[in-house]
Amino acid sequence: MFLISLDELDRTKRRNGIRNITELAEASGVSRRTWSTTVRDRRPTPQVLDALARLGARPERVLIADEASTQASA
Protein backbone atom coordinates (compact mmCIF):
# COMPACT_ATOMS: atom_id res chain seq x y z
CA MET A 1 0.00 0.00 0.00
CA PHE A 2 1.15 3.55 -0.66
CA LEU A 3 0.74 6.48 1.71
CA ILE A 4 1.07 10.24 1.36
CA SER A 5 4.54 11.40 2.39
CA LEU A 6 4.09 13.88 5.24
CA ASP A 7 7.62 15.18 4.55
CA GLU A 8 6.67 16.08 0.98
CA LEU A 9 3.37 17.57 2.13
CA ASP A 10 5.26 19.76 4.62
CA ARG A 11 7.83 20.76 1.98
CA THR A 12 5.05 21.73 -0.40
CA LYS A 13 3.31 23.76 2.28
CA ARG A 14 6.53 25.63 3.14
CA ARG A 15 7.23 26.28 -0.55
CA ASN A 16 3.81 27.92 -0.88
CA GLY A 17 3.93 29.81 2.45
CA ILE A 18 1.09 27.68 3.84
CA ARG A 19 1.11 27.50 7.63
CA ASN A 20 -1.94 25.41 8.51
CA ILE A 21 -4.73 23.18 7.22
CA THR A 22 -7.08 26.12 6.66
CA GLU A 23 -4.57 27.88 4.42
CA LEU A 24 -3.89 24.58 2.64
CA ALA A 25 -7.61 24.20 1.93
CA GLU A 26 -7.82 27.75 0.58
CA ALA A 27 -4.74 27.37 -1.63
CA SER A 28 -5.72 23.98 -3.02
CA GLY A 29 -9.49 24.14 -3.35
CA VAL A 30 -9.75 20.93 -1.33
CA SER A 31 -11.78 21.04 1.88
CA ARG A 32 -10.19 21.39 5.30
CA ARG A 33 -11.89 18.17 6.37
CA THR A 34 -10.34 16.28 3.45
CA TRP A 35 -6.87 17.57 4.34
CA SER A 36 -7.36 16.71 8.02
CA THR A 37 -8.35 13.18 7.05
CA THR A 38 -5.38 12.93 4.68
CA VAL A 39 -2.91 14.02 7.35
CA ARG A 40 -4.42 11.58 9.85
CA ASP A 41 -4.83 8.53 7.58
CA ARG A 42 -2.24 9.37 4.89
CA ARG A 43 -4.42 7.58 2.29
CA PRO A 44 -3.97 9.07 -1.19
CA THR A 45 -7.09 10.14 -3.06
CA PRO A 46 -7.25 11.52 -6.60
CA GLN A 47 -8.45 14.88 -5.25
CA VAL A 48 -5.49 15.21 -2.86
CA LEU A 49 -2.95 13.98 -5.42
CA ASP A 50 -4.23 16.51 -7.99
CA ALA A 51 -4.07 19.31 -5.41
CA LEU A 52 -0.50 18.41 -4.45
CA ALA A 53 0.48 18.42 -8.13
CA ARG A 54 -1.04 21.89 -8.59
CA LEU A 55 0.88 23.12 -5.53
CA GLY A 56 4.17 21.85 -6.95
CA ALA A 57 4.79 18.67 -4.98
CA ARG A 58 7.49 16.45 -6.42
CA PRO A 59 5.71 13.48 -8.05
CA GLU A 60 8.47 11.03 -7.19
CA ARG A 61 8.19 11.91 -3.49
CA VAL A 62 4.44 12.30 -2.90
CA LEU A 63 3.84 8.61 -2.19
CA ILE A 64 5.81 6.26 0.02
CA ALA A 65 5.45 2.54 0.65
CA ASP A 66 3.70 1.53 3.86
CA GLU A 67 6.41 -0.65 5.43
CA ALA A 68 4.03 -2.44 7.83
CA SER A 69 1.68 -3.38 5.01
CA THR A 70 4.55 -4.47 2.76
CA GLN A 71 6.09 -6.70 5.45
CA ALA A 72 2.75 -8.26 6.44
CA SER A 73 2.05 -9.39 2.88
CA ALA A 74 5.53 -10.89 2.37
PDB file of N, CA and C in Angstrom:
ATOM      1  N   MET A   1       0.850  -1.169   0.000  1.00  0.00           N
ATOM      2  CA  MET A   1       0.000   0.000   0.000  1.00  0.00           C
ATOM      3  C   MET A   1       0.899   1.236   0.000  1.00  0.00           C
ATOM      4  N   PHE A   2       0.430   2.289  -0.642  1.00  0.00           N
ATOM      5  CA  PHE A   2       1.152   3.553  -0.665  1.00  0.00           C
ATOM      6  C   PHE A   2       0.448   4.560   0.224  1.00  0.00           C
ATOM      7  N   LEU A   3       1.245   5.427   0.834  1.00  0.00           N
ATOM      8  CA  LEU A   3       0.737   6.477   1.706  1.00  0.00           C
ATOM      9  C   LEU A   3       1.282   7.822   1.245  1.00  0.00           C
ATOM     10  N   ILE A   4       0.585   8.892   1.623  1.00  0.00           N
ATOM     11  CA  ILE A   4       1.071  10.244   1.358  1.00  0.00           C
ATOM     12  C   ILE A   4       2.302  10.487   2.228  1.00  0.00           C
ATOM     13  N   SER A   5       3.340  11.042   1.646  1.00  0.00           N
ATOM     14  CA  SER A   5       4.539  11.401   2.392  1.00  0.00           C
ATOM     15  C   SER A   5       4.287  12.718   3.128  1.00  0.00           C
ATOM     16  N   LEU A   6       4.298  12.661   4.451  1.00  0.00           N
ATOM     17  CA  LEU A   6       4.094  13.883   5.235  1.00  0.00           C
ATOM     18  C   LEU A   6       5.271  14.844   5.064  1.00  0.00           C
ATOM     19  N   ASP A   7       6.461  14.311   4.815  1.00  0.00           N
ATOM     20  CA  ASP A   7       7.619  15.176   4.548  1.00  0.00           C
ATOM     21  C   ASP A   7       7.397  16.001   3.285  1.00  0.00           C
ATOM     22  N   GLU A   8       6.908  15.358   2.232  1.00  0.00           N
ATOM     23  CA  GLU A   8       6.666  16.081   0.979  1.00  0.00           C
ATOM     24  C   GLU A   8       5.491  17.040   1.125  1.00  0.00           C
ATOM     25  N   LEU A   9       4.488  16.653   1.868  1.00  0.00           N
ATOM     26  CA  LEU A   9       3.367  17.565   2.134  1.00  0.00           C
ATOM     27  C   LEU A   9       3.871  18.805   2.861  1.00  0.00           C
ATOM     28  N   ASP A  10       4.706  18.622   3.881  1.00  0.00           N
ATOM     29  CA  ASP A  10       5.262  19.763   4.622  1.00  0.00           C
ATOM     30  C   ASP A  10       6.148  20.632   3.732  1.00  0.00           C
ATOM     31  N   ARG A  11       6.966  19.997   2.886  1.00  0.00           N
ATOM     32  CA  ARG A  11       7.833  20.760   1.982  1.00  0.00           C
ATOM     33  C   ARG A  11       6.997  21.607   1.025  1.00  0.00           C
ATOM     34  N   THR A  12       5.928  21.017   0.524  1.00  0.00           N
ATOM     35  CA  THR A  12       5.051  21.728  -0.405  1.00  0.00           C
ATOM     36  C   THR A  12       4.359  22.891   0.294  1.00  0.00           C
ATOM     37  N   LYS A  13       3.929  22.675   1.523  1.00  0.00           N
ATOM     38  CA  LYS A  13       3.307  23.760   2.285  1.00  0.00           C
ATOM     39  C   LYS A  13       4.296  24.906   2.504  1.00  0.00           C
ATOM     40  N   ARG A  14       5.519  24.585   2.914  1.00  0.00           N
ATOM     41  CA  ARG A  14       6.534  25.634   3.141  1.00  0.00           C
ATOM     42  C   ARG A  14       6.818  26.393   1.855  1.00  0.00           C
ATOM     43  N   ARG A  15       6.931  25.669   0.756  1.00  0.00           N
ATOM     44  CA  ARG A  15       7.231  26.281  -0.551  1.00  0.00           C
ATOM     45  C   ARG A  15       6.161  27.303  -0.949  1.00  0.00           C
ATOM     46  N   ASN A  16       4.934  27.047  -0.529  1.00  0.00           N
ATOM     47  CA  ASN A  16       3.815  27.924  -0.876  1.00  0.00           C
ATOM     48  C   ASN A  16       3.436  28.887   0.250  1.00  0.00           C
ATOM     49  N   GLY A  17       4.213  28.907   1.328  1.00  0.00           N
ATOM     50  CA  GLY A  17       3.925  29.813   2.445  1.00  0.00           C
ATOM     51  C   GLY A  17       2.652  29.447   3.194  1.00  0.00           C
ATOM     52  N   ILE A  18       2.312  28.171   3.196  1.00  0.00           N
ATOM     53  CA  ILE A  18       1.093  27.685   3.843  1.00  0.00           C
ATOM     54  C   ILE A  18       1.452  27.225   5.249  1.00  0.00           C
ATOM     55  N   ARG A  19       0.760  27.778   6.242  1.00  0.00           N
ATOM     56  CA  ARG A  19       1.108  27.497   7.631  1.00  0.00           C
ATOM     57  C   ARG A  19       0.194  26.510   8.333  1.00  0.00           C
ATOM     58  N   ASN A  20      -1.000  26.297   7.812  1.00  0.00           N
ATOM     59  CA  ASN A  20      -1.938  25.408   8.510  1.00  0.00           C
ATOM     60  C   ASN A  20      -2.922  24.783   7.518  1.00  0.00           C
ATOM     61  N   ILE A  21      -3.767  23.920   8.057  1.00  0.00           N
ATOM     62  CA  ILE A  21      -4.729  23.183   7.215  1.00  0.00           C
ATOM     63  C   ILE A  21      -5.719  24.131   6.543  1.00  0.00           C
ATOM     64  N   THR A  22      -6.133  25.166   7.240  1.00  0.00           N
ATOM     65  CA  THR A  22      -7.083  26.122   6.662  1.00  0.00           C
ATOM     66  C   THR A  22      -6.476  26.809   5.438  1.00  0.00           C
ATOM     67  N   GLU A  23      -5.236  27.249   5.556  1.00  0.00           N
ATOM     68  CA  GLU A  23      -4.569  27.880   4.415  1.00  0.00           C
ATOM     69  C   GLU A  23      -4.342  26.875   3.286  1.00  0.00           C
ATOM     70  N   LEU A  24      -4.063  25.630   3.647  1.00  0.00           N
ATOM     71  CA  LEU A  24      -3.892  24.584   2.640  1.00  0.00           C
ATOM     72  C   LEU A  24      -5.193  24.372   1.872  1.00  0.00           C
ATOM     73  N   ALA A  25      -6.301  24.359   2.578  1.00  0.00           N
ATOM     74  CA  ALA A  25      -7.608  24.199   1.931  1.00  0.00           C
ATOM     75  C   ALA A  25      -7.886  25.362   0.982  1.00  0.00           C
ATOM     76  N   GLU A  26      -7.585  26.579   1.426  1.00  0.00           N
ATOM     77  CA  GLU A  26      -7.824  27.753   0.579  1.00  0.00           C
ATOM     78  C   GLU A  26      -6.943  27.733  -0.659  1.00  0.00           C
ATOM     79  N   ALA A  27      -5.681  27.360  -0.499  1.00  0.00           N
ATOM     80  CA  ALA A  27      -4.741  27.371  -1.626  1.00  0.00           C
ATOM     81  C   ALA A  27      -5.018  26.257  -2.625  1.00  0.00           C
ATOM     82  N   SER A  28      -5.562  25.154  -2.155  1.00  0.00           N
ATOM     83  CA  SER A  28      -5.715  23.982  -3.020  1.00  0.00           C
ATOM     84  C   SER A  28      -7.119  23.783  -3.576  1.00  0.00           C
ATOM     85  N   GLY A  29      -8.114  24.381  -2.932  1.00  0.00           N
ATOM     86  CA  GLY A  29      -9.491  24.144  -3.348  1.00  0.00           C
ATOM     87  C   GLY A  29     -10.047  22.832  -2.831  1.00  0.00           C
ATOM     88  N   VAL A  30      -9.309  22.177  -1.948  1.00  0.00           N
ATOM     89  CA  VAL A  30      -9.751  20.932  -1.325  1.00  0.00           C
ATOM     90  C   VAL A  30     -10.168  21.267   0.103  1.00  0.00           C
ATOM     91  N   SER A  31     -11.236  20.670   0.575  1.00  0.00           N
ATOM     92  CA  SER A  31     -11.783  21.043   1.881  1.00  0.00           C
ATOM     93  C   SER A  31     -10.814  20.786   3.036  1.00  0.00           C
ATOM     94  N   ARG A  32     -10.999  21.551   4.091  1.00  0.00           N
ATOM     95  CA  ARG A  32     -10.190  21.393   5.295  1.00  0.00           C
ATOM     96  C   ARG A  32     -10.376  20.002   5.885  1.00  0.00           C
ATOM     97  N   ARG A  33     -11.607  19.503   5.846  1.00  0.00           N
ATOM     98  CA  ARG A  33     -11.887  18.167   6.371  1.00  0.00           C
ATOM     99  C   ARG A  33     -11.127  17.092   5.590  1.00  0.00           C
ATOM    100  N   THR A  34     -11.076  17.236   4.272  1.00  0.00           N
ATOM    101  CA  THR A  34     -10.339  16.276   3.448  1.00  0.00           C
ATOM    102  C   THR A  34      -8.857  16.294   3.805  1.00  0.00           C
ATOM    103  N   TRP A  35      -8.285  17.483   3.968  1.00  0.00           N
ATOM    104  CA  TRP A  35      -6.871  17.575   4.341  1.00  0.00           C
ATOM    105  C   TRP A  35      -6.630  17.003   5.733  1.00  0.00           C
ATOM    106  N   SER A  36      -7.518  17.264   6.663  1.00  0.00           N
ATOM    107  CA  SER A  36      -7.362  16.713   8.018  1.00  0.00           C
ATOM    108  C   SER A  36      -7.372  15.190   7.982  1.00  0.00           C
ATOM    109  N   THR A  37      -8.284  14.635   7.203  1.00  0.00           N
ATOM    110  CA  THR A  37      -8.354  13.176   7.051  1.00  0.00           C
ATOM    111  C   THR A  37      -7.086  12.650   6.392  1.00  0.00           C
ATOM    112  N   THR A  38      -6.594  13.352   5.378  1.00  0.00           N
ATOM    113  CA  THR A  38      -5.385  12.928   4.678  1.00  0.00           C
ATOM    114  C   THR A  38      -4.179  12.923   5.606  1.00  0.00           C
ATOM    115  N   VAL A  39      -4.042  13.954   6.421  1.00  0.00           N
ATOM    116  CA  VAL A  39      -2.910  14.021   7.350  1.00  0.00           C
ATOM    117  C   VAL A  39      -3.019  12.912   8.395  1.00  0.00           C
ATOM    118  N   ARG A  40      -4.216  12.625   8.837  1.00  0.00           N
ATOM    119  CA  ARG A  40      -4.421  11.581   9.854  1.00  0.00           C
ATOM    120  C   ARG A  40      -4.210  10.184   9.278  1.00  0.00           C
ATOM    121  N   ASP A  41      -4.849   9.883   8.140  1.00  0.00           N
ATOM    122  CA  ASP A  41      -4.832   8.533   7.575  1.00  0.00           C
ATOM    123  C   ASP A  41      -3.717   8.310   6.554  1.00  0.00           C
ATOM    124  N   ARG A  42      -3.290   9.391   5.916  1.00  0.00           N
ATOM    125  CA  ARG A  42      -2.237   9.373   4.893  1.00  0.00           C
ATOM    126  C   ARG A  42      -2.632   8.590   3.651  1.00  0.00           C
ATOM    127  N   ARG A  43      -3.924   8.325   3.466  1.00  0.00           N
ATOM    128  CA  ARG A  43      -4.416   7.584   2.293  1.00  0.00           C
ATOM    129  C   ARG A  43      -4.519   8.537   1.095  1.00  0.00           C
ATOM    130  N   PRO A  44      -3.881   8.200  -0.015  1.00  0.00           N
ATOM    131  CA  PRO A  44      -3.974   9.070  -1.191  1.00  0.00           C
ATOM    132  C   PRO A  44      -5.342   8.970  -1.855  1.00  0.00           C
ATOM    133  N   THR A  45      -5.868  10.097  -2.262  1.00  0.00           N
ATOM    134  CA  THR A  45      -7.091  10.141  -3.063  1.00  0.00           C
ATOM    135  C   THR A  45      -6.777  10.960  -4.322  1.00  0.00           C
ATOM    136  N   PRO A  46      -7.504  10.740  -5.390  1.00  0.00           N
ATOM    137  CA  PRO A  46      -7.252  11.523  -6.602  1.00  0.00           C
ATOM    138  C   PRO A  46      -7.330  13.034  -6.352  1.00  0.00           C
ATOM    139  N   GLN A  47      -8.284  13.459  -5.546  1.00  0.00           N
ATOM    140  CA  GLN A  47      -8.454  14.878  -5.254  1.00  0.00           C
ATOM    141  C   GLN A  47      -7.211  15.454  -4.568  1.00  0.00           C
ATOM    142  N   VAL A  48      -6.671  14.751  -3.593  1.00  0.00           N
ATOM    143  CA  VAL A  48      -5.491  15.214  -2.861  1.00  0.00           C
ATOM    144  C   VAL A  48      -4.256  15.159  -3.755  1.00  0.00           C
ATOM    145  N   LEU A  49      -4.106  14.092  -4.519  1.00  0.00           N
ATOM    146  CA  LEU A  49      -2.952  13.983  -5.416  1.00  0.00           C
ATOM    147  C   LEU A  49      -2.958  15.093  -6.466  1.00  0.00           C
ATOM    148  N   ASP A  50      -4.127  15.406  -7.017  1.00  0.00           N
ATOM    149  CA  ASP A  50      -4.232  16.506  -7.988  1.00  0.00           C
ATOM    150  C   ASP A  50      -3.879  17.838  -7.339  1.00  0.00           C
ATOM    151  N   ALA A  51      -4.356  18.057  -6.119  1.00  0.00           N
ATOM    152  CA  ALA A  51      -4.070  19.310  -5.411  1.00  0.00           C
ATOM    153  C   ALA A  51      -2.576  19.439  -5.135  1.00  0.00           C
ATOM    154  N   LEU A  52      -1.943  18.366  -4.711  1.00  0.00           N
ATOM    155  CA  LEU A  52      -0.505  18.413  -4.454  1.00  0.00           C
ATOM    156  C   LEU A  52       0.269  18.708  -5.739  1.00  0.00           C
ATOM    157  N   ALA A  53      -0.167  18.141  -6.841  1.00  0.00           N
ATOM    158  CA  ALA A  53       0.481  18.420  -8.127  1.00  0.00           C
ATOM    159  C   ALA A  53       0.356  19.903  -8.477  1.00  0.00           C
ATOM    160  N   ARG A  54      -0.836  20.468  -8.290  1.00  0.00           N
ATOM    161  CA  ARG A  54      -1.037  21.892  -8.585  1.00  0.00           C
ATOM    162  C   ARG A  54      -0.176  22.785  -7.693  1.00  0.00           C
ATOM    163  N   LEU A  55       0.077  22.336  -6.469  1.00  0.00           N
ATOM    164  CA  LEU A  55       0.878  23.123  -5.529  1.00  0.00           C
ATOM    165  C   LEU A  55       2.379  22.916  -5.718  1.00  0.00           C
ATOM    166  N   GLY A  56       2.753  22.032  -6.634  1.00  0.00           N
ATOM    167  CA  GLY A  56       4.168  21.855  -6.954  1.00  0.00           C
ATOM    168  C   GLY A  56       4.885  20.759  -6.194  1.00  0.00           C
ATOM    169  N   ALA A  57       4.144  19.809  -5.650  1.00  0.00           N
ATOM    170  CA  ALA A  57       4.787  18.673  -4.977  1.00  0.00           C
ATOM    171  C   ALA A  57       5.578  17.861  -5.989  1.00  0.00           C
ATOM    172  N   ARG A  58       6.665  17.283  -5.545  1.00  0.00           N
ATOM    173  CA  ARG A  58       7.494  16.451  -6.418  1.00  0.00           C
ATOM    174  C   ARG A  58       6.824  15.089  -6.586  1.00  0.00           C
ATOM    175  N   PRO A  59       6.461  14.725  -7.823  1.00  0.00           N
ATOM    176  CA  PRO A  59       5.706  13.483  -8.052  1.00  0.00           C
ATOM    177  C   PRO A  59       6.415  12.242  -7.519  1.00  0.00           C
ATOM    178  N   GLU A  60       7.727  12.217  -7.628  1.00  0.00           N
ATOM    179  CA  GLU A  60       8.467  11.031  -7.188  1.00  0.00           C
ATOM    180  C   GLU A  60       8.564  10.918  -5.673  1.00  0.00           C
ATOM    181  N   ARG A  61       8.093  11.936  -4.954  1.00  0.00           N
ATOM    182  CA  ARG A  61       8.189  11.912  -3.494  1.00  0.00           C
ATOM    183  C   ARG A  61       6.851  12.030  -2.780  1.00  0.00           C
ATOM    184  N   VAL A  62       5.766  12.130  -3.522  1.00  0.00           N
ATOM    185  CA  VAL A  62       4.444  12.302  -2.904  1.00  0.00           C
ATOM    186  C   VAL A  62       3.993  11.032  -2.183  1.00  0.00           C
ATOM    187  N   LEU A  63       4.269   9.881  -2.776  1.00  0.00           N
ATOM    188  CA  LEU A  63       3.839   8.610  -2.189  1.00  0.00           C
ATOM    189  C   LEU A  63       5.028   7.839  -1.647  1.00  0.00           C
ATOM    190  N   ILE A  64       4.793   7.150  -0.548  1.00  0.00           N
ATOM    191  CA  ILE A  64       5.809   6.262   0.019  1.00  0.00           C
ATOM    192  C   ILE A  64       5.156   4.914   0.304  1.00  0.00           C
ATOM    193  N   ALA A  65       5.966   3.879   0.341  1.00  0.00           N
ATOM    194  CA  ALA A  65       5.454   2.539   0.648  1.00  0.00           C
ATOM    195  C   ALA A  65       5.162   2.432   2.143  1.00  0.00           C
ATOM    196  N   ASP A  66       4.062   1.794   2.463  1.00  0.00           N
ATOM    197  CA  ASP A  66       3.704   1.526   3.860  1.00  0.00           C
ATOM    198  C   ASP A  66       4.482   0.281   4.269  1.00  0.00           C
ATOM    199  N   GLU A  67       5.532   0.462   5.055  1.00  0.00           N
ATOM    200  CA  GLU A  67       6.413  -0.648   5.434  1.00  0.00           C
ATOM    201  C   GLU A  67       5.665  -1.759   6.155  1.00  0.00           C
ATOM    202  N   ALA A  68       4.767  -1.427   7.067  1.00  0.00           N
ATOM    203  CA  ALA A  68       4.032  -2.439   7.830  1.00  0.00           C
ATOM    204  C   ALA A  68       3.177  -3.284   6.901  1.00  0.00           C
ATOM    205  N   SER A  69       2.510  -2.657   5.955  1.00  0.00           N
ATOM    206  CA  SER A  69       1.676  -3.381   5.005  1.00  0.00           C
ATOM    207  C   SER A  69       2.525  -4.263   4.091  1.00  0.00           C
ATOM    208  N   THR A  70       3.660  -3.740   3.658  1.00  0.00           N
ATOM    209  CA  THR A  70       4.554  -4.471   2.764  1.00  0.00           C
ATOM    210  C   THR A  70       5.119  -5.713   3.461  1.00  0.00           C
ATOM    211  N   GLN A  71       5.518  -5.574   4.717  1.00  0.00           N
ATOM    212  CA  GLN A  71       6.094  -6.699   5.455  1.00  0.00           C
ATOM    213  C   GLN A  71       5.044  -7.748   5.799  1.00  0.00           C
ATOM    214  N   ALA A  72       3.820  -7.321   6.073  1.00  0.00           N
ATOM    215  CA  ALA A  72       2.752  -8.255   6.437  1.00  0.00           C
ATOM    216  C   ALA A  72       2.368  -9.139   5.260  1.00  0.00           C
ATOM    217  N   SER A  73       2.441  -8.607   4.052  1.00  0.00           N
ATOM    218  CA  SER A  73       2.055  -9.388   2.879  1.00  0.00           C
ATOM    219  C   SER A  73       3.170 -10.278   2.356  1.00  0.00           C
ATOM    220  N   ALA A  74       4.368 -10.100   2.867  1.00  0.00           N
ATOM    221  CA  ALA A  74       5.527 -10.888   2.375  1.00  0.00           C
ATOM    222  C   ALA A  74       5.602 -12.273   2.989  1.00  0.00           C
TER     223      ALA A  74
END
